[in-house]
Amino acid sequence: MSVLPEPRYPNVTELVSCAQALASHRPGLCSFRQVGVSRAGRPLHLLSMGHAERAVLVVAGAHANEPTGGSTLLALAERVLHERQLRADTSWHFLLCADPDGASLHETPAPRTLLDYHLGFFRPAGAEQPEWSPSVLSPDRLPPETRALTKVIDELRPYLQATLHGTDLGGSWVQLTKDVPGLAEPFAKSAAELHIPVERGASDAAGWPASGPGVHVMPEPGTNAPYPSIPDDVRHSTWYHAHRYGGLTAVVEVPMWASDLVDDPAPHPAPDAAMRHLARRLLRDSLQVEGVLTDALPRLPVPDGPLLRAAKWALELVPGLADDWAGRPPADTTMAYVGSVDAFGRRLPLRAAAMLLRVLQQTDDRAAPHLQHLVASWSEAFAERFRARWVPLEHQVEHQSRTVVAAAHHARERAE
């Protein structure tokens, strides 16, 4: 299994401290302010640079388990501060962490292996994710983090919202709410220079049109979903809120560990059979986690905490998703796509098991040792199957930063 050389991801407190220092260094150019609070009362902060009406909004920390975004946000802010041409007639705004409550629960600032990463894992249930909640909740039930984010979008009216995401293992890809002609070339060039594979058939973008390898454009309303069992609709997420003002969103994904298996455009020799196999494995693995959960649940003193809600939510997705994979023609028949689905199918029960394990360890439950063995063996198998290799943190950050700058440049040309 690949081992890290010594990564360091900043926590929210460190992000705030660095952003405040940048703002105080250039008070005439920069401002730093609170724009909302989380459900638990944690502040949401916005760092702004420049005063032009034309705006770019960069969002980090929408998913607690994707820590690269915070490092990238700071690197981008430094770059905007020192490169005058980037802010010549554009203001840049940086939402430091969209989900500070989630960030407080994800506990792997410096993972050395995929097992380390999962032992501190947290990713909230869909309705509790600030960008995704509008796709599953009515407007009157949206969490305060979501309302703060949409309020910032309403105020800034950005022509580009860049939201910084990542994956544990795989490749890099971009999801666009509208096409950005010209972005695919610098994206691919950056990935190649930094030895980061491009995830050509990302399962998150199954069936979507592509404007280049790894650059996926979200489909128009009314398009049939490749996974109809998934309850949310990306077109109702906060990513589309910028459309009210003629803007668009670029979701920039980078991997912590890379796998060249997701960058193979060759046809898969038997995609239908492969998808059925992956569906069976997904059901089998999830049933193991559900068995532990069912046994342990009566012994848990707090049966509805955020870790447990998230684990249950992940498991609830499995039956429908397995049916989608086994009962429908594949959305893509390449090796890259089947590899991406393979990774997704390993990831879902592993994450549920990891979060449930944290709950059981808090109470020294008798089922914890068995579940810890399961998390360890699945983490190792995941890394070995995909020949995982660590992407140096500085490469993760550089590639994500380059892609955001390129998206800002080409989205501006598109707008003009």
Protein backbone atom coordinates (compact mmCIF):
# COMPACT_ATOMS: atom_id res chain seq x y z
CA MET A 1 0.00 0.00 0.00
CA SER A 2 1.26 3.49 -0.82
CA VAL A 3 2.57 5.55 2.08
CA LEU A 4 2.56 9.34 2.32
CA PRO A 5 5.80 11.29 2.67
CA GLU A 6 4.37 13.73 5.31
CA PRO A 7 1.24 15.61 4.19
CA ARG A 8 -0.37 18.35 6.21
CA TYR A 9 -3.90 19.61 5.68
CA PRO A 10 -4.92 22.76 7.57
CA ASN A 11 -7.87 22.57 9.92
CA VAL A 12 -10.55 25.25 10.00
CA THR A 13 -8.86 27.21 12.77
CA GLU A 14 -5.64 27.33 10.75
CA LEU A 15 -7.54 28.36 7.62
CA VAL A 16 -9.14 31.24 9.49
CA SER A 17 -5.81 32.35 10.95
CA CYS A 18 -4.11 32.32 7.53
CA ALA A 19 -7.00 34.15 5.86
CA GLN A 20 -7.01 36.82 8.57
CA ALA A 21 -3.27 37.30 8.11
CA LEU A 22 -3.71 37.75 4.35
CA ALA A 23 -6.50 40.26 4.86
CA SER A 24 -4.53 42.27 7.41
CA HIS A 25 -1.51 42.35 5.10
CA ARG A 26 -3.47 44.24 2.41
CA PRO A 27 -6.43 45.89 4.20
CA GLY A 28 -7.19 48.18 1.27
CA LEU A 29 -7.50 45.24 -1.09
CA CYS A 30 -8.81 42.48 1.17
CA SER A 31 -11.65 41.98 3.61
CA PHE A 32 -12.49 39.14 5.96
CA ARG A 33 -15.94 38.67 7.44
CA GLN A 34 -18.40 36.20 8.86
CA VAL A 35 -21.24 35.31 6.50
CA GLY A 36 -23.20 32.79 8.54
CA VAL A 37 -23.16 30.13 11.21
CA SER A 38 -23.45 26.36 11.15
CA ARG A 39 -26.10 24.31 12.87
CA ALA A 40 -23.78 23.99 15.86
CA GLY A 41 -23.01 27.72 15.89
CA ARG A 42 -19.61 27.61 14.18
CA PRO A 43 -18.89 30.67 12.01
CA LEU A 44 -18.63 30.59 8.22
CA HIS A 45 -16.03 33.05 6.91
CA LEU A 46 -15.46 34.78 3.58
CA LEU A 47 -12.14 36.23 2.45
CA SER A 48 -12.50 38.77 -0.41
CA MET A 49 -9.84 40.31 -2.64
CA GLY A 50 -10.54 43.21 -4.97
CA HIS A 51 -13.58 45.40 -5.48
CA ALA A 52 -14.63 44.70 -9.08
CA GLU A 53 -18.23 43.76 -9.75
CA ARG A 54 -17.14 40.83 -11.90
CA ALA A 55 -16.66 38.08 -9.30
CA VAL A 56 -15.31 34.57 -8.82
CA LEU A 57 -16.44 32.62 -5.76
CA VAL A 58 -14.27 29.74 -4.52
CA VAL A 59 -15.86 27.31 -2.05
CA ALA A 60 -13.87 24.86 0.09
CA GLY A 61 -14.93 22.28 2.63
CA ALA A 62 -18.32 21.31 1.22
CA HIS A 63 -17.42 17.69 2.00
CA ALA A 64 -15.56 17.13 5.25
CA ASN A 65 -13.64 14.13 3.91
CA GLU A 66 -12.09 16.10 1.02
CA PRO A 67 -9.37 18.12 2.77
CA THR A 68 -7.35 19.31 -0.23
CA GLY A 69 -9.74 22.19 -0.88
CA GLY A 70 -8.62 24.15 2.16
CA SER A 71 -4.98 23.99 1.09
CA THR A 72 -5.94 24.95 -2.45
CA LEU A 73 -8.04 27.88 -1.27
CA LEU A 74 -5.06 29.35 0.60
CA ALA A 75 -2.77 28.80 -2.38
CA LEU A 76 -5.27 30.49 -4.70
CA ALA A 77 -5.67 33.43 -2.33
CA GLU A 78 -1.89 33.89 -2.20
CA ARG A 79 -1.72 33.73 -5.99
CA VAL A 80 -4.49 36.29 -6.47
CA LEU A 81 -2.80 38.55 -3.94
CA HIS A 82 0.52 38.48 -5.76
CA GLU A 83 -0.60 38.28 -9.41
CA ARG A 84 -2.17 41.61 -10.24
CA GLN A 85 -3.52 40.47 -13.59
CA LEU A 86 -5.82 37.93 -11.89
CA ARG A 87 -7.64 40.74 -10.09
CA ALA A 88 -7.30 43.43 -12.76
CA ASP A 89 -11.05 43.62 -13.26
CA THR A 90 -12.23 40.63 -11.22
CA SER A 91 -12.80 40.28 -7.50
CA TRP A 92 -12.10 36.94 -5.85
CA HIS A 93 -14.01 35.62 -2.88
CA PHE A 94 -13.11 32.55 -0.81
CA LEU A 95 -15.59 30.71 1.43
CA LEU A 96 -13.15 29.03 3.79
CA CYS A 97 -15.26 26.05 4.84
CA ALA A 98 -18.85 25.41 3.84
CA ASP A 99 -19.36 22.74 6.51
CA PRO A 100 -17.34 23.49 9.66
CA ASP A 101 -19.42 21.03 11.69
CA GLY A 102 -18.50 18.23 9.32
CA ALA A 103 -14.87 19.32 9.32
CA SER A 104 -14.81 18.98 13.11
CA LEU A 105 -15.77 15.30 12.76
CA HIS A 106 -13.42 14.22 9.98
CA GLU A 107 -10.21 13.41 11.83
CA THR A 108 -7.49 12.60 9.30
CA PRO A 109 -5.43 15.75 8.72
CA ALA A 110 -2.34 13.67 7.84
CA PRO A 111 -3.29 10.15 6.71
CA ARG A 112 -0.44 7.83 5.75
CA THR A 113 -2.57 5.06 4.26
CA LEU A 114 -6.14 4.54 3.15
CA LEU A 115 -6.74 2.81 6.49
CA ASP A 116 -5.61 5.93 8.37
CA TYR A 117 -7.91 7.97 6.20
CA HIS A 118 -10.90 5.78 6.98
CA LEU A 119 -10.26 5.45 10.71
CA GLY A 120 -11.09 9.15 11.05
CA PHE A 121 -13.67 9.29 8.28
CA PHE A 122 -16.83 11.39 8.26
CA ARG A 123 -19.11 12.48 5.44
CA PRO A 124 -22.61 13.58 6.45
CA ALA A 125 -25.87 12.22 5.12
CA GLY A 126 -27.03 13.88 1.91
CA ALA A 127 -29.61 16.13 3.54
CA GLU A 128 -26.90 17.52 5.84
CA GLN A 129 -24.45 18.40 3.07
CA PRO A 130 -24.60 22.16 2.36
CA GLU A 131 -24.33 21.95 -1.43
CA TRP A 132 -26.60 18.92 -1.81
CA SER A 133 -29.37 19.62 0.70
CA PRO A 134 -31.54 21.63 -1.76
CA SER A 135 -31.74 18.55 -3.97
CA VAL A 136 -33.49 16.53 -1.24
CA LEU A 137 -35.07 19.10 1.11
CA SER A 138 -37.78 21.72 0.73
CA PRO A 139 -36.59 25.36 0.96
CA ASP A 140 -37.97 25.80 4.49
CA ARG A 141 -35.86 22.88 5.78
CA LEU A 142 -32.47 23.89 4.38
CA PRO A 143 -29.60 23.94 6.89
CA PRO A 144 -28.06 27.33 7.80
CA GLU A 145 -24.84 26.49 5.95
CA THR A 146 -26.79 26.16 2.70
CA ARG A 147 -28.65 29.41 3.32
CA ALA A 148 -25.35 31.19 4.02
CA LEU A 149 -23.82 29.89 0.79
CA THR A 150 -26.78 30.88 -1.38
CA LYS A 151 -26.87 34.29 0.30
CA VAL A 152 -23.23 34.83 -0.66
CA ILE A 153 -24.02 33.82 -4.25
CA ASP A 154 -26.98 36.23 -4.27
CA GLU A 155 -24.74 39.03 -3.05
CA LEU A 156 -21.74 38.43 -5.32
CA ARG A 157 -23.52 37.15 -8.45
CA PRO A 158 -20.35 35.34 -9.55
CA TYR A 159 -19.80 34.56 -13.19
CA LEU A 160 -17.92 31.51 -11.89
CA GLN A 161 -18.36 29.53 -8.73
CA ALA A 162 -15.49 27.06 -8.28
CA THR A 163 -16.11 24.45 -5.64
CA LEU A 164 -13.11 22.43 -4.48
CA HIS A 165 -13.75 18.73 -4.13
CA GLY A 166 -11.66 15.59 -4.10
CA THR A 167 -11.62 11.83 -4.03
CA ASP A 168 -9.75 9.42 -1.84
CA LEU A 169 -8.51 7.21 -4.68
CA GLY A 170 -8.85 7.63 -8.44
CA GLY A 171 -8.21 10.51 -10.80
CA SER A 172 -9.02 14.15 -11.42
CA TRP A 173 -12.08 15.41 -13.21
CA VAL A 174 -14.22 18.52 -13.57
CA GLN A 175 -18.00 18.82 -13.47
CA LEU A 176 -19.51 21.90 -15.11
CA THR A 177 -23.04 23.22 -14.90
CA LYS A 178 -22.45 24.81 -18.33
CA ASP A 179 -19.75 24.04 -20.84
CA VAL A 180 -16.57 26.13 -20.66
CA PRO A 181 -14.93 25.88 -24.09
CA GLY A 182 -11.16 25.81 -23.86
CA LEU A 183 -10.93 24.39 -20.33
CA ALA A 184 -10.21 20.78 -21.31
CA GLU A 185 -6.77 21.54 -22.76
CA PRO A 186 -5.17 23.28 -19.74
CA PHE A 187 -6.84 20.78 -17.40
CA ALA A 188 -5.32 17.82 -19.26
CA LYS A 189 -1.94 19.53 -19.56
CA SER A 190 -1.78 20.23 -15.85
CA ALA A 191 -2.75 16.68 -14.92
CA ALA A 192 -0.10 15.25 -17.24
CA GLU A 193 2.64 17.54 -15.92
CA LEU A 194 1.85 16.58 -12.33
CA HIS A 195 1.38 12.85 -13.06
CA ILE A 196 -2.24 12.86 -11.98
CA PRO A 197 -4.54 10.53 -13.97
CA VAL A 198 -7.66 11.95 -15.55
CA GLU A 199 -10.81 10.14 -14.47
CA ARG A 200 -12.31 9.72 -17.94
CA GLY A 201 -15.42 7.80 -16.92
CA ALA A 202 -16.25 9.19 -13.49
CA SER A 203 -19.24 7.39 -12.03
CA ASP A 204 -20.36 10.71 -10.52
CA ALA A 205 -20.83 11.97 -14.08
CA ALA A 206 -22.18 8.78 -15.66
CA GLY A 207 -23.88 9.46 -18.96
CA TRP A 208 -23.01 13.15 -19.02
CA PRO A 209 -21.62 14.79 -22.17
CA ALA A 210 -17.90 15.57 -22.07
CA SER A 211 -16.14 18.54 -23.62
CA GLY A 212 -12.82 16.74 -23.25
CA PRO A 213 -11.32 13.86 -21.26
CA GLY A 214 -12.38 14.28 -17.64
CA VAL A 215 -14.36 17.48 -18.26
CA HIS A 216 -18.04 16.65 -17.86
CA VAL A 217 -21.01 18.92 -18.50
CA MET A 218 -24.13 18.37 -16.42
CA PRO A 219 -27.09 17.30 -18.55
CA GLU A 220 -30.07 19.43 -19.39
CA PRO A 221 -33.30 19.01 -17.37
CA GLY A 222 -35.35 16.08 -18.53
CA THR A 223 -32.36 13.88 -19.33
CA ASN A 224 -32.76 10.32 -18.09
CA ALA A 225 -30.61 9.62 -15.04
CA PRO A 226 -28.27 6.60 -15.35
CA TYR A 227 -28.86 5.80 -11.66
CA PRO A 228 -32.58 6.50 -11.12
CA SER A 229 -32.44 5.17 -7.55
CA ILE A 230 -30.28 8.07 -6.36
CA PRO A 231 -32.76 10.39 -4.63
CA ASP A 232 -31.04 13.73 -5.22
CA ASP A 233 -30.87 15.77 -8.41
CA VAL A 234 -27.67 17.69 -9.01
CA ARG A 235 -29.62 20.38 -10.89
CA HIS A 236 -31.27 21.40 -7.61
CA SER A 237 -27.96 21.77 -5.78
CA THR A 238 -26.30 25.08 -4.89
CA TRP A 239 -24.11 24.57 -7.95
CA TYR A 240 -27.01 25.83 -10.07
CA HIS A 241 -27.75 28.85 -7.91
CA ALA A 242 -25.22 30.93 -9.86
CA HIS A 243 -27.32 30.40 -13.00
CA ARG A 244 -29.80 32.96 -11.67
CA TYR A 245 -27.19 35.60 -12.46
CA GLY A 246 -25.86 34.17 -15.70
CA GLY A 247 -23.00 32.35 -13.98
CA LEU A 248 -21.94 28.73 -13.80
CA THR A 249 -20.19 26.34 -11.42
CA ALA A 250 -17.06 24.26 -11.92
CA VAL A 251 -16.57 21.38 -9.49
CA VAL A 252 -12.86 20.54 -9.49
CA GLU A 253 -11.97 17.08 -8.19
CA VAL A 254 -8.47 15.89 -7.32
CA PRO A 255 -7.34 12.55 -5.85
CA MET A 256 -5.32 11.97 -2.70
CA TRP A 257 -4.17 8.62 -4.04
CA ALA A 258 -4.02 8.13 -7.80
CA SER A 259 -4.90 5.12 -9.92
CA ASP A 260 -4.17 4.81 -13.60
CA LEU A 261 -7.05 2.32 -13.89
CA VAL A 262 -9.54 5.19 -14.12
CA ASP A 263 -7.65 6.78 -17.03
CA ASP A 264 -8.00 3.91 -19.51
CA PRO A 265 -10.31 4.71 -22.47
CA ALA A 266 -10.10 1.20 -23.94
CA PRO A 267 -13.36 -0.72 -24.32
CA HIS A 268 -14.11 -3.11 -21.47
CA PRO A 269 -14.34 -6.70 -22.78
CA ALA A 270 -17.55 -7.49 -20.84
CA PRO A 271 -19.04 -4.36 -19.27
CA ASP A 272 -22.50 -5.81 -18.57
CA ALA A 273 -21.09 -8.82 -16.72
CA ALA A 274 -18.66 -6.59 -14.85
CA MET A 275 -21.46 -4.30 -13.68
CA ARG A 276 -23.51 -7.26 -12.44
CA HIS A 277 -20.48 -8.55 -10.54
CA LEU A 278 -19.91 -5.14 -8.94
CA ALA A 279 -23.58 -4.96 -7.96
CA ARG A 280 -23.38 -8.36 -6.23
CA ARG A 281 -20.24 -7.37 -4.36
CA LEU A 282 -21.78 -4.08 -3.29
CA LEU A 283 -24.78 -5.91 -1.81
CA ARG A 284 -22.59 -8.53 -0.13
CA ASP A 285 -20.27 -6.00 1.51
CA SER A 286 -23.11 -3.77 2.64
CA LEU A 287 -24.95 -6.69 4.20
CA GLN A 288 -21.90 -7.36 6.36
CA VAL A 289 -22.00 -3.81 7.69
CA GLU A 290 -25.77 -3.93 8.15
CA GLY A 291 -25.40 -7.11 10.18
CA VAL A 292 -23.01 -5.39 12.58
CA LEU A 293 -25.29 -2.35 12.79
CA THR A 294 -28.41 -4.41 13.51
CA ASP A 295 -26.62 -6.33 16.24
CA ALA A 296 -25.06 -3.28 17.90
CA LEU A 297 -27.91 -0.78 17.60
CA PRO A 298 -29.80 -1.82 20.79
CA ARG A 299 -26.58 -1.32 22.79
CA LEU A 300 -25.83 2.22 21.56
CA PRO A 301 -26.63 5.00 24.04
CA VAL A 302 -27.09 7.60 21.26
CA PRO A 303 -28.80 5.90 18.30
CA ASP A 304 -28.99 8.97 16.06
CA GLY A 305 -25.72 10.90 16.10
CA PRO A 306 -24.19 12.36 12.90
CA LEU A 307 -21.79 9.44 12.36
CA LEU A 308 -24.56 6.90 12.69
CA ARG A 309 -26.96 8.90 10.50
CA ALA A 310 -24.31 9.10 7.81
CA ALA A 311 -23.54 5.38 7.97
CA LYS A 312 -27.23 4.49 7.72
CA TRP A 313 -27.70 6.90 4.82
CA ALA A 314 -24.82 5.30 2.87
CA LEU A 315 -26.27 1.84 3.43
CA GLU A 316 -29.73 2.95 2.36
CA LEU A 317 -28.38 3.90 -1.07
CA VAL A 318 -27.08 0.40 -1.76
CA PRO A 319 -30.11 -1.72 -2.81
CA GLY A 320 -31.33 0.74 -5.43
CA LEU A 321 -27.86 1.42 -6.71
CA ALA A 322 -27.12 -2.29 -7.07
CA ASP A 323 -30.35 -2.67 -9.05
CA ASP A 324 -29.32 0.22 -11.31
CA TRP A 325 -25.96 -1.38 -12.02
CA ALA A 326 -27.28 -4.88 -12.59
CA GLY A 327 -30.50 -4.10 -14.41
CA ARG A 328 -29.63 -1.29 -16.81
CA PRO A 329 -27.18 -1.02 -19.70
CA PRO A 330 -23.91 0.61 -18.55
CA ALA A 331 -23.78 4.37 -19.06
CA ASP A 332 -20.27 3.86 -20.45
CA THR A 333 -18.46 0.74 -21.59
CA THR A 334 -14.84 1.79 -21.15
CA MET A 335 -12.30 0.34 -18.76
CA ALA A 336 -12.15 3.74 -17.08
CA TYR A 337 -15.88 3.81 -16.31
CA VAL A 338 -16.04 0.26 -14.99
CA GLY A 339 -12.98 1.05 -12.88
CA SER A 340 -14.67 4.15 -11.48
CA VAL A 341 -17.80 2.16 -10.61
CA ASP A 342 -15.61 -0.51 -9.02
CA ALA A 343 -14.06 2.17 -6.80
CA PHE A 344 -17.48 3.60 -5.93
CA GLY A 345 -18.76 0.15 -5.04
CA ARG A 346 -15.85 -0.41 -2.65
CA ARG A 347 -16.07 3.09 -1.22
CA LEU A 348 -19.73 3.10 -0.14
CA PRO A 349 -19.77 0.14 2.30
CA LEU A 350 -16.24 0.95 3.47
CA ARG A 351 -17.27 4.46 4.46
CA ALA A 352 -20.38 3.17 6.25
CA ALA A 353 -18.26 0.62 8.10
CA ALA A 354 -15.66 3.24 9.03
CA MET A 355 -18.21 5.64 10.48
CA LEU A 356 -20.02 2.87 12.34
CA LEU A 357 -16.67 1.71 13.72
CA ARG A 358 -16.04 5.15 15.23
CA VAL A 359 -19.44 4.97 16.96
CA LEU A 360 -18.71 1.49 18.35
CA GLN A 361 -15.24 2.46 19.52
CA GLN A 362 -16.66 5.36 21.50
CA THR A 363 -18.59 2.87 23.66
CA ASP A 364 -16.07 -0.03 23.55
CA ASP A 365 -18.75 -2.12 21.91
CA ARG A 366 -17.92 -5.79 21.52
CA ALA A 367 -18.48 -5.62 17.74
CA ALA A 368 -15.74 -3.01 17.23
CA PRO A 369 -12.78 -5.43 16.76
CA HIS A 370 -14.57 -7.36 14.01
CA LEU A 371 -15.57 -4.18 12.22
CA GLN A 372 -12.06 -2.75 12.55
CA HIS A 373 -10.69 -5.87 10.85
CA LEU A 374 -13.23 -5.40 8.06
CA VAL A 375 -12.28 -1.73 7.56
CA ALA A 376 -8.58 -2.64 7.52
CA SER A 377 -8.95 -5.48 5.03
CA TRP A 378 -11.23 -3.48 2.70
CA SER A 379 -8.88 -0.48 2.79
CA GLU A 380 -5.92 -2.67 1.90
CA ALA A 381 -7.82 -4.47 -0.89
CA PHE A 382 -8.98 -1.11 -2.31
CA ALA A 383 -5.43 0.23 -2.46
CA GLU A 384 -3.98 -2.97 -3.90
CA ARG A 385 -6.68 -3.43 -6.56
CA PHE A 386 -6.17 0.10 -7.87
CA ARG A 387 -2.38 0.21 -7.41
CA ALA A 388 -2.78 3.32 -5.32
CA ARG A 389 0.04 5.84 -5.33
CA TRP A 390 0.10 8.97 -3.22
CA VAL A 391 -0.24 12.28 -5.04
CA PRO A 392 2.04 14.76 -3.25
CA LEU A 393 -0.05 17.39 -1.52
CA GLU A 394 1.68 20.18 -3.41
CA HIS A 395 0.66 18.49 -6.69
CA GLN A 396 -2.94 18.12 -5.56
CA VAL A 397 -3.02 21.82 -4.70
CA GLU A 398 -1.19 22.99 -7.82
CA HIS A 399 -3.45 21.05 -10.18
CA GLN A 400 -6.63 22.20 -8.48
CA SER A 401 -5.40 25.81 -8.41
CA ARG A 402 -4.39 25.78 -12.08
CA THR A 403 -7.76 24.35 -13.06
CA VAL A 404 -9.67 27.03 -11.15
CA VAL A 405 -7.60 29.82 -12.73
CA ALA A 406 -8.11 28.30 -16.20
CA ALA A 407 -11.84 27.95 -15.55
CA ALA A 408 -12.03 31.60 -14.49
CA HIS A 409 -10.23 32.70 -17.64
CA HIS A 410 -12.27 30.62 -20.07
CA ALA A 411 -15.61 31.18 -18.29
CA ARG A 412 -14.99 34.90 -18.57
CA GLU A 413 -14.39 34.57 -22.31
CA ARG A 414 -17.59 32.55 -22.52
CA ALA A 415 -19.53 35.28 -20.67
CA GLU A 416 -18.17 38.00 -22.93
